[in-house]
Amino acid sequence: MTCEQAFEDVYTKFKMHFYREVFGEFRDRESGLTTVETFCMEVIFAMNRPTINEFSNYIRISQPNAAYKVNNLVRKGYLRKVQSEKDKREFFLEVTQKYLDYQDISNNFMHLVEQRMQERLSEEQLANLTETLEIISRELMPEVPAYKKRRSEEE
């Protein structure tokens, strides 16, 4: 197996597990997220409290379209708009506990795989893997900005 095939295989398995769990967990709930809403929520969560404008710019949709999507997510209880203390005209998009519970489906599996890696791989192998993943994230994916810092509640 080539590196590309191995990488694609791992990425696909993470996605497939997530999709299976989401469909199984939420198929009977009327307020479940649509596919597009799921993608929107993942972007908003990764961006760490963006404004509607930042969100719309990032996913390259109009601000009215973004506002429509955001309002639906607020109505369903997955998102809330928090008014900026500095500029009362600005609102930050903040995920709710309902979304965090939804997202735990993916995180729980990721933590399980991480635990298995720690049991299976040597410290040196884990260090090499960590370094490789950091290089991929930091240097080889310039099209995707890093959103590590969380905006404070005071913004």
N, C-alpha and C. Protein backbone atom coordinates (compact mmCIF):
# COMPACT_ATOMS: atom_id res chain seq x y z
N MET A 1 0.85 -1.18 0.00
CA MET A 1 0.00 0.00 0.00
C MET A 1 0.89 1.24 0.00
N THR A 2 0.55 2.20 -0.83
CA THR A 2 1.31 3.44 -0.87
C THR A 2 0.89 4.34 0.30
N CYS A 3 1.67 5.38 0.55
CA CYS A 3 1.34 6.34 1.59
C CYS A 3 -0.01 7.01 1.28
N GLU A 4 -0.21 7.36 0.02
CA GLU A 4 -1.47 7.99 -0.38
C GLU A 4 -2.65 7.07 -0.12
N GLN A 5 -2.51 5.81 -0.46
CA GLN A 5 -3.60 4.85 -0.23
C GLN A 5 -3.86 4.67 1.27
N ALA A 6 -2.79 4.60 2.05
CA ALA A 6 -2.94 4.42 3.49
C ALA A 6 -3.62 5.64 4.11
N PHE A 7 -3.21 6.83 3.69
CA PHE A 7 -3.81 8.06 4.21
C PHE A 7 -5.29 8.12 3.84
N GLU A 8 -5.61 7.83 2.60
CA GLU A 8 -7.01 7.83 2.15
C GLU A 8 -7.83 6.79 2.90
N ASP A 9 -7.25 5.64 3.15
CA ASP A 9 -7.95 4.57 3.87
C ASP A 9 -8.30 5.02 5.30
N VAL A 10 -7.35 5.62 5.99
CA VAL A 10 -7.59 6.09 7.36
C VAL A 10 -8.65 7.20 7.36
N TYR A 11 -8.50 8.16 6.47
CA TYR A 11 -9.45 9.27 6.39
C TYR A 11 -10.86 8.76 6.09
N THR A 12 -10.97 7.84 5.16
CA THR A 12 -12.28 7.26 4.80
C THR A 12 -12.89 6.51 5.98
N LYS A 13 -12.08 5.77 6.71
CA LYS A 13 -12.62 5.02 7.85
C LYS A 13 -13.15 5.95 8.94
N PHE A 14 -12.45 7.06 9.19
CA PHE A 14 -12.96 8.03 10.16
C PHE A 14 -14.29 8.59 9.68
N LYS A 15 -14.38 8.97 8.41
CA LYS A 15 -15.64 9.51 7.88
C LYS A 15 -16.75 8.48 7.94
N MET A 16 -16.48 7.27 7.50
CA MET A 16 -17.51 6.23 7.47
C MET A 16 -18.03 5.91 8.87
N HIS A 17 -17.15 5.84 9.84
CA HIS A 17 -17.58 5.60 11.22
C HIS A 17 -18.49 6.73 11.69
N PHE A 18 -18.07 7.97 11.44
CA PHE A 18 -18.86 9.11 11.85
C PHE A 18 -20.25 9.07 11.21
N TYR A 19 -20.31 8.85 9.90
CA TYR A 19 -21.61 8.84 9.20
C TYR A 19 -22.51 7.73 9.74
N ARG A 20 -21.97 6.56 9.95
CA ARG A 20 -22.77 5.45 10.47
C ARG A 20 -23.34 5.78 11.84
N GLU A 21 -22.51 6.34 12.71
CA GLU A 21 -22.96 6.68 14.05
C GLU A 21 -23.99 7.81 14.04
N VAL A 22 -23.76 8.81 13.19
CA VAL A 22 -24.71 9.92 13.11
C VAL A 22 -26.07 9.41 12.64
N PHE A 23 -26.11 8.62 11.59
CA PHE A 23 -27.38 8.12 11.09
C PHE A 23 -28.07 7.23 12.13
N GLY A 24 -27.31 6.40 12.80
CA GLY A 24 -27.89 5.52 13.81
C GLY A 24 -28.40 6.26 15.02
N GLU A 25 -27.67 7.28 15.45
CA GLU A 25 -28.01 8.02 16.66
C GLU A 25 -29.15 9.00 16.45
N PHE A 26 -29.20 9.62 15.28
CA PHE A 26 -30.13 10.73 15.09
C PHE A 26 -31.24 10.48 14.08
N ARG A 27 -31.39 9.28 13.57
CA ARG A 27 -32.37 9.06 12.51
C ARG A 27 -33.81 9.30 12.96
N ASP A 28 -34.09 9.14 14.25
CA ASP A 28 -35.46 9.31 14.73
C ASP A 28 -35.74 10.69 15.31
N ARG A 29 -34.76 11.55 15.33
CA ARG A 29 -34.95 12.87 15.92
C ARG A 29 -35.36 13.86 14.82
N GLU A 30 -36.47 14.55 15.02
CA GLU A 30 -36.95 15.47 14.00
C GLU A 30 -36.07 16.71 13.88
N SER A 31 -35.31 17.05 14.91
CA SER A 31 -34.46 18.24 14.83
C SER A 31 -33.02 17.89 14.48
N GLY A 32 -32.80 16.72 13.91
CA GLY A 32 -31.45 16.33 13.50
C GLY A 32 -30.91 17.26 12.42
N LEU A 33 -29.63 17.23 12.25
CA LEU A 33 -28.98 18.09 11.28
C LEU A 33 -29.02 17.46 9.88
N THR A 34 -29.24 18.31 8.89
CA THR A 34 -29.09 17.85 7.51
C THR A 34 -27.60 17.74 7.21
N THR A 35 -27.27 17.18 6.07
CA THR A 35 -25.86 17.05 5.69
C THR A 35 -25.20 18.42 5.60
N VAL A 36 -25.84 19.36 4.93
CA VAL A 36 -25.27 20.70 4.79
C VAL A 36 -25.13 21.36 6.17
N GLU A 37 -26.14 21.19 7.03
CA GLU A 37 -26.05 21.76 8.37
C GLU A 37 -24.90 21.15 9.16
N THR A 38 -24.69 19.86 9.00
CA THR A 38 -23.57 19.20 9.67
C THR A 38 -22.25 19.82 9.23
N PHE A 39 -22.10 20.02 7.94
CA PHE A 39 -20.87 20.63 7.43
C PHE A 39 -20.72 22.06 7.96
N CYS A 40 -21.81 22.82 7.98
CA CYS A 40 -21.76 24.18 8.51
C CYS A 40 -21.32 24.18 9.96
N MET A 41 -21.89 23.29 10.75
CA MET A 41 -21.55 23.23 12.17
C MET A 41 -20.08 22.85 12.37
N GLU A 42 -19.58 21.93 11.56
CA GLU A 42 -18.18 21.54 11.69
C GLU A 42 -17.27 22.72 11.38
N VAL A 43 -17.62 23.51 10.38
CA VAL A 43 -16.82 24.70 10.04
C VAL A 43 -16.89 25.72 11.17
N ILE A 44 -18.09 26.01 11.65
CA ILE A 44 -18.25 26.99 12.73
C ILE A 44 -17.49 26.55 13.97
N PHE A 45 -17.58 25.28 14.31
CA PHE A 45 -16.85 24.78 15.48
C PHE A 45 -15.34 24.92 15.29
N ALA A 46 -14.85 24.56 14.12
CA ALA A 46 -13.41 24.64 13.85
C ALA A 46 -12.92 26.09 13.84
N MET A 47 -13.78 27.02 13.44
CA MET A 47 -13.38 28.42 13.37
C MET A 47 -13.38 29.09 14.74
N ASN A 48 -13.95 28.46 15.75
CA ASN A 48 -13.91 28.98 17.12
C ASN A 48 -14.57 30.34 17.26
N ARG A 49 -15.89 30.34 17.23
CA ARG A 49 -16.69 31.54 17.45
C ARG A 49 -16.52 32.59 16.36
N PRO A 50 -16.73 32.22 15.11
CA PRO A 50 -16.63 33.23 14.04
C PRO A 50 -17.86 34.15 14.07
N THR A 51 -17.75 35.25 13.38
CA THR A 51 -18.93 36.06 13.11
C THR A 51 -19.63 35.46 11.89
N ILE A 52 -20.85 35.88 11.62
CA ILE A 52 -21.55 35.39 10.43
C ILE A 52 -20.76 35.79 9.18
N ASN A 53 -20.21 36.99 9.18
CA ASN A 53 -19.42 37.45 8.05
C ASN A 53 -18.18 36.57 7.83
N GLU A 54 -17.46 36.26 8.90
CA GLU A 54 -16.28 35.39 8.77
C GLU A 54 -16.68 34.01 8.25
N PHE A 55 -17.77 33.48 8.78
CA PHE A 55 -18.27 32.18 8.34
C PHE A 55 -18.66 32.21 6.86
N SER A 56 -19.42 33.21 6.46
CA SER A 56 -19.86 33.28 5.06
C SER A 56 -18.67 33.46 4.12
N ASN A 57 -17.70 34.28 4.52
CA ASN A 57 -16.50 34.46 3.69
C ASN A 57 -15.72 33.16 3.54
N TYR A 58 -15.60 32.43 4.65
CA TYR A 58 -14.80 31.21 4.60
C TYR A 58 -15.42 30.15 3.68
N ILE A 59 -16.73 29.96 3.80
CA ILE A 59 -17.35 28.92 2.97
C ILE A 59 -17.84 29.45 1.63
N ARG A 60 -17.58 30.74 1.39
CA ARG A 60 -17.84 31.37 0.10
C ARG A 60 -19.31 31.35 -0.30
N ILE A 61 -20.16 31.77 0.65
CA ILE A 61 -21.57 31.95 0.35
C ILE A 61 -21.95 33.37 0.74
N SER A 62 -23.09 33.84 0.25
CA SER A 62 -23.52 35.20 0.56
C SER A 62 -23.84 35.32 2.05
N GLN A 63 -23.76 36.53 2.55
CA GLN A 63 -24.08 36.75 3.96
C GLN A 63 -25.55 36.43 4.26
N PRO A 64 -26.51 36.79 3.39
CA PRO A 64 -27.90 36.40 3.66
C PRO A 64 -28.09 34.88 3.70
N ASN A 65 -27.42 34.16 2.82
CA ASN A 65 -27.49 32.69 2.82
C ASN A 65 -26.90 32.14 4.11
N ALA A 66 -25.78 32.69 4.53
CA ALA A 66 -25.15 32.25 5.79
C ALA A 66 -26.07 32.55 6.96
N ALA A 67 -26.68 33.74 6.96
CA ALA A 67 -27.58 34.11 8.06
C ALA A 67 -28.78 33.16 8.12
N TYR A 68 -29.29 32.76 6.97
CA TYR A 68 -30.41 31.80 6.91
C TYR A 68 -29.99 30.47 7.54
N LYS A 69 -28.82 29.98 7.15
CA LYS A 69 -28.33 28.70 7.69
C LYS A 69 -28.11 28.81 9.20
N VAL A 70 -27.50 29.90 9.62
CA VAL A 70 -27.24 30.12 11.05
C VAL A 70 -28.55 30.17 11.83
N ASN A 71 -29.53 30.89 11.33
CA ASN A 71 -30.81 30.99 12.03
C ASN A 71 -31.49 29.64 12.18
N ASN A 72 -31.39 28.79 11.16
CA ASN A 72 -31.93 27.42 11.27
C ASN A 72 -31.21 26.62 12.34
N LEU A 73 -29.90 26.77 12.42
CA LEU A 73 -29.11 26.05 13.42
C LEU A 73 -29.40 26.56 14.82
N VAL A 74 -29.65 27.86 14.95
CA VAL A 74 -30.05 28.43 16.24
C VAL A 74 -31.41 27.87 16.63
N ARG A 75 -32.35 27.86 15.68
CA ARG A 75 -33.70 27.37 15.95
C ARG A 75 -33.68 25.91 16.40
N LYS A 76 -32.77 25.10 15.82
CA LYS A 76 -32.67 23.69 16.18
C LYS A 76 -31.90 23.46 17.48
N GLY A 77 -31.27 24.52 17.99
CA GLY A 77 -30.59 24.41 19.27
C GLY A 77 -29.13 23.98 19.22
N TYR A 78 -28.53 23.98 18.04
CA TYR A 78 -27.13 23.56 17.91
C TYR A 78 -26.17 24.75 17.99
N LEU A 79 -26.71 25.96 17.87
CA LEU A 79 -25.87 27.15 17.76
C LEU A 79 -26.56 28.30 18.49
N ARG A 80 -25.75 29.22 19.01
CA ARG A 80 -26.31 30.45 19.56
C ARG A 80 -25.47 31.62 19.07
N LYS A 81 -26.11 32.78 19.02
CA LYS A 81 -25.42 34.00 18.63
C LYS A 81 -25.15 34.79 19.90
N VAL A 82 -23.89 35.13 20.11
CA VAL A 82 -23.48 35.86 21.32
C VAL A 82 -23.00 37.24 20.91
N GLN A 83 -23.65 38.26 21.46
CA GLN A 83 -23.33 39.64 21.13
C GLN A 83 -21.96 40.03 21.67
N SER A 84 -21.18 40.69 20.83
CA SER A 84 -19.86 41.18 21.22
C SER A 84 -19.99 42.27 22.27
N GLU A 85 -19.14 42.21 23.28
CA GLU A 85 -19.11 43.26 24.30
C GLU A 85 -18.51 44.54 23.72
N LYS A 86 -17.57 44.40 22.77
CA LYS A 86 -16.87 45.56 22.20
C LYS A 86 -17.70 46.26 21.14
N ASP A 87 -18.38 45.50 20.29
CA ASP A 87 -19.17 46.07 19.20
C ASP A 87 -20.54 45.41 19.23
N LYS A 88 -21.51 46.11 19.74
CA LYS A 88 -22.85 45.54 19.94
C LYS A 88 -23.53 45.14 18.63
N ARG A 89 -23.01 45.58 17.50
CA ARG A 89 -23.58 45.19 16.20
C ARG A 89 -23.08 43.82 15.75
N GLU A 90 -22.05 43.31 16.39
CA GLU A 90 -21.41 42.06 15.97
C GLU A 90 -21.82 40.91 16.89
N PHE A 91 -22.04 39.75 16.27
CA PHE A 91 -22.40 38.55 17.02
C PHE A 91 -21.44 37.43 16.66
N PHE A 92 -21.03 36.68 17.69
CA PHE A 92 -20.18 35.51 17.48
C PHE A 92 -21.06 34.26 17.48
N LEU A 93 -20.72 33.32 16.64
CA LEU A 93 -21.46 32.06 16.55
C LEU A 93 -20.81 31.07 17.50
N GLU A 94 -21.59 30.56 18.40
CA GLU A 94 -21.07 29.68 19.44
C GLU A 94 -21.88 28.38 19.44
N VAL A 95 -21.18 27.26 19.42
CA VAL A 95 -21.88 25.97 19.44
C VAL A 95 -22.45 25.72 20.84
N THR A 96 -23.54 24.97 20.88
CA THR A 96 -24.18 24.65 22.15
C THR A 96 -23.76 23.26 22.62
N GLN A 97 -24.14 22.93 23.82
CA GLN A 97 -23.86 21.60 24.34
C GLN A 97 -24.52 20.52 23.47
N LYS A 98 -25.67 20.84 22.90
CA LYS A 98 -26.35 19.90 22.02
C LYS A 98 -25.44 19.50 20.85
N TYR A 99 -24.73 20.50 20.28
CA TYR A 99 -23.80 20.17 19.19
C TYR A 99 -22.59 19.41 19.73
N LEU A 100 -22.07 19.82 20.87
CA LEU A 100 -20.91 19.13 21.44
C LEU A 100 -21.22 17.66 21.70
N ASP A 101 -22.44 17.36 22.15
CA ASP A 101 -22.85 15.97 22.34
C ASP A 101 -22.89 15.25 21.00
N TYR A 102 -23.39 15.92 19.99
CA TYR A 102 -23.46 15.37 18.63
C TYR A 102 -22.04 15.08 18.11
N GLN A 103 -21.15 16.04 18.35
CA GLN A 103 -19.78 15.89 17.86
C GLN A 103 -19.00 14.82 18.61
N ASP A 104 -19.39 14.52 19.83
CA ASP A 104 -18.70 13.49 20.61
C ASP A 104 -18.71 12.14 19.91
N ILE A 105 -19.70 11.92 19.04
CA ILE A 105 -19.73 10.67 18.27
C ILE A 105 -18.41 10.50 17.52
N SER A 106 -17.96 11.56 16.88
CA SER A 106 -16.71 11.51 16.13
C SER A 106 -15.51 11.49 17.06
N ASN A 107 -15.53 12.35 18.08
CA ASN A 107 -14.40 12.45 19.00
C ASN A 107 -14.16 11.16 19.78
N ASN A 108 -15.22 10.49 20.20
CA ASN A 108 -15.06 9.26 20.96
C ASN A 108 -14.31 8.21 20.16
N PHE A 109 -14.64 8.08 18.88
CA PHE A 109 -13.94 7.11 18.04
C PHE A 109 -12.48 7.53 17.83
N MET A 110 -12.26 8.82 17.64
CA MET A 110 -10.90 9.31 17.46
C MET A 110 -10.06 9.01 18.70
N HIS A 111 -10.65 9.21 19.89
CA HIS A 111 -9.92 8.92 21.13
C HIS A 111 -9.66 7.43 21.29
N LEU A 112 -10.60 6.60 20.85
CA LEU A 112 -10.40 5.15 20.90
C LEU A 112 -9.23 4.75 20.01
N VAL A 113 -9.18 5.29 18.80
CA VAL A 113 -8.07 4.97 17.89
C VAL A 113 -6.76 5.48 18.46
N GLU A 114 -6.78 6.67 19.05
CA GLU A 114 -5.58 7.22 19.68
C GLU A 114 -5.10 6.31 20.82
N GLN A 115 -6.01 5.83 21.63
CA GLN A 115 -5.66 4.92 22.72
C GLN A 115 -5.04 3.63 22.17
N ARG A 116 -5.62 3.12 21.11
CA ARG A 116 -5.08 1.90 20.49
C ARG A 116 -3.69 2.15 19.90
N MET A 117 -3.47 3.35 19.36
CA MET A 117 -2.13 3.68 18.84
C MET A 117 -1.11 3.69 19.96
N GLN A 118 -1.50 4.24 21.11
CA GLN A 118 -0.58 4.29 22.24
C GLN A 118 -0.24 2.89 22.76
N GLU A 119 -1.19 1.99 22.66
CA GLU A 119 -0.96 0.61 23.08
C GLU A 119 -0.12 -0.16 22.07
N ARG A 120 -0.29 0.14 20.79
CA ARG A 120 0.33 -0.63 19.72
C ARG A 120 1.69 -0.09 19.29
N LEU A 121 1.87 1.24 19.28
CA LEU A 121 3.08 1.85 18.76
C LEU A 121 4.07 2.17 19.87
N SER A 122 5.34 2.14 19.51
CA SER A 122 6.38 2.53 20.48
C SER A 122 6.35 4.05 20.67
N GLU A 123 7.04 4.52 21.71
CA GLU A 123 7.12 5.96 21.95
C GLU A 123 7.77 6.66 20.76
N GLU A 124 8.76 6.03 20.17
CA GLU A 124 9.44 6.62 19.02
C GLU A 124 8.50 6.70 17.82
N GLN A 125 7.72 5.63 17.58
CA GLN A 125 6.76 5.65 16.47
C GLN A 125 5.70 6.73 16.68
N LEU A 126 5.22 6.86 17.92
CA LEU A 126 4.23 7.89 18.21
C LEU A 126 4.81 9.29 18.02
N ALA A 127 6.05 9.48 18.43
CA ALA A 127 6.71 10.78 18.27
C ALA A 127 6.87 11.10 16.78
N ASN A 128 7.25 10.11 15.99
CA ASN A 128 7.40 10.31 14.55
C ASN A 128 6.06 10.62 13.89
N LEU A 129 5.02 9.89 14.30
CA LEU A 129 3.69 10.12 13.76
C LEU A 129 3.20 11.52 14.12
N THR A 130 3.41 11.91 15.37
CA THR A 130 3.00 13.24 15.82
C THR A 130 3.71 14.31 15.03
N GLU A 131 5.02 14.16 14.84
CA GLU A 131 5.79 15.13 14.07
C GLU A 131 5.29 15.20 12.63
N THR A 132 5.02 14.05 12.04
CA THR A 132 4.51 14.01 10.67
C THR A 132 3.16 14.72 10.56
N LEU A 133 2.26 14.45 11.49
CA LEU A 133 0.94 15.09 11.47
C LEU A 133 1.06 16.60 11.66
N GLU A 134 1.97 17.03 12.52
CA GLU A 134 2.18 18.47 12.72
C GLU A 134 2.70 19.13 11.46
N ILE A 135 3.62 18.47 10.75
CA ILE A 135 4.14 19.00 9.49
C ILE A 135 3.01 19.10 8.46
N ILE A 136 2.20 18.05 8.38
CA ILE A 136 1.08 18.07 7.44
C ILE A 136 0.16 19.25 7.75
N SER A 137 -0.21 19.41 9.01
CA SER A 137 -1.13 20.47 9.41
C SER A 137 -0.52 21.85 9.23
N ARG A 138 0.69 22.03 9.66
CA ARG A 138 1.33 23.35 9.69
C ARG A 138 1.84 23.80 8.33
N GLU A 139 2.41 22.86 7.53
CA GLU A 139 3.11 23.25 6.33
C GLU A 139 2.46 22.80 5.02
N LEU A 140 1.78 21.67 5.04
CA LEU A 140 1.31 21.08 3.79
C LEU A 140 -0.15 21.35 3.48
N MET A 141 -0.80 22.12 4.34
CA MET A 141 -2.22 22.44 4.12
C MET A 141 -2.44 23.95 4.24
N PRO A 142 -1.70 24.74 3.45
CA PRO A 142 -1.81 26.20 3.59
C PRO A 142 -3.18 26.76 3.20
N GLU A 143 -3.97 25.99 2.47
CA GLU A 143 -5.29 26.45 2.04
C GLU A 143 -6.28 26.52 3.19
N VAL A 144 -5.96 25.83 4.29
CA VAL A 144 -6.86 25.79 5.43
C VAL A 144 -6.19 26.48 6.60
N PRO A 145 -6.73 27.64 7.00
CA PRO A 145 -6.10 28.35 8.13
C PRO A 145 -6.24 27.58 9.43
N ALA A 146 -5.31 27.82 10.31
CA ALA A 146 -5.36 27.21 11.64
C ALA A 146 -6.25 28.05 12.53
N TYR A 147 -7.14 27.40 13.25
CA TYR A 147 -8.04 28.10 14.17
C TYR A 147 -7.82 27.56 15.57
N LYS A 148 -6.58 27.57 16.03
CA LYS A 148 -6.27 26.99 17.33
C LYS A 148 -6.77 27.86 18.48
N LYS A 149 -6.57 29.16 18.40
CA LYS A 149 -6.93 30.02 19.52
C LYS A 149 -8.43 30.18 19.59
N ARG A 150 -8.97 29.97 20.74
CA ARG A 150 -10.39 30.18 20.96
C ARG A 150 -10.60 31.65 21.31
N ARG A 151 -11.62 32.21 20.73
CA ARG A 151 -11.97 33.58 21.09
C ARG A 151 -12.51 33.57 22.51
N SER A 152 -12.17 34.60 23.21
CA SER A 152 -12.65 34.69 24.60
C SER A 152 -14.11 35.13 24.62
N GLU A 153 -14.75 34.87 25.73
CA GLU A 153 -16.15 35.26 25.91
C GLU A 153 -16.29 36.78 25.91
N GLU A 154 -15.22 37.52 26.26
CA GLU A 154 -15.30 38.96 26.38
C GLU A 154 -15.29 39.69 25.06
N GLU A 155 -14.94 39.02 23.97
CA GLU A 155 -14.85 39.71 22.68
C GLU A 155 -16.17 40.29 22.27
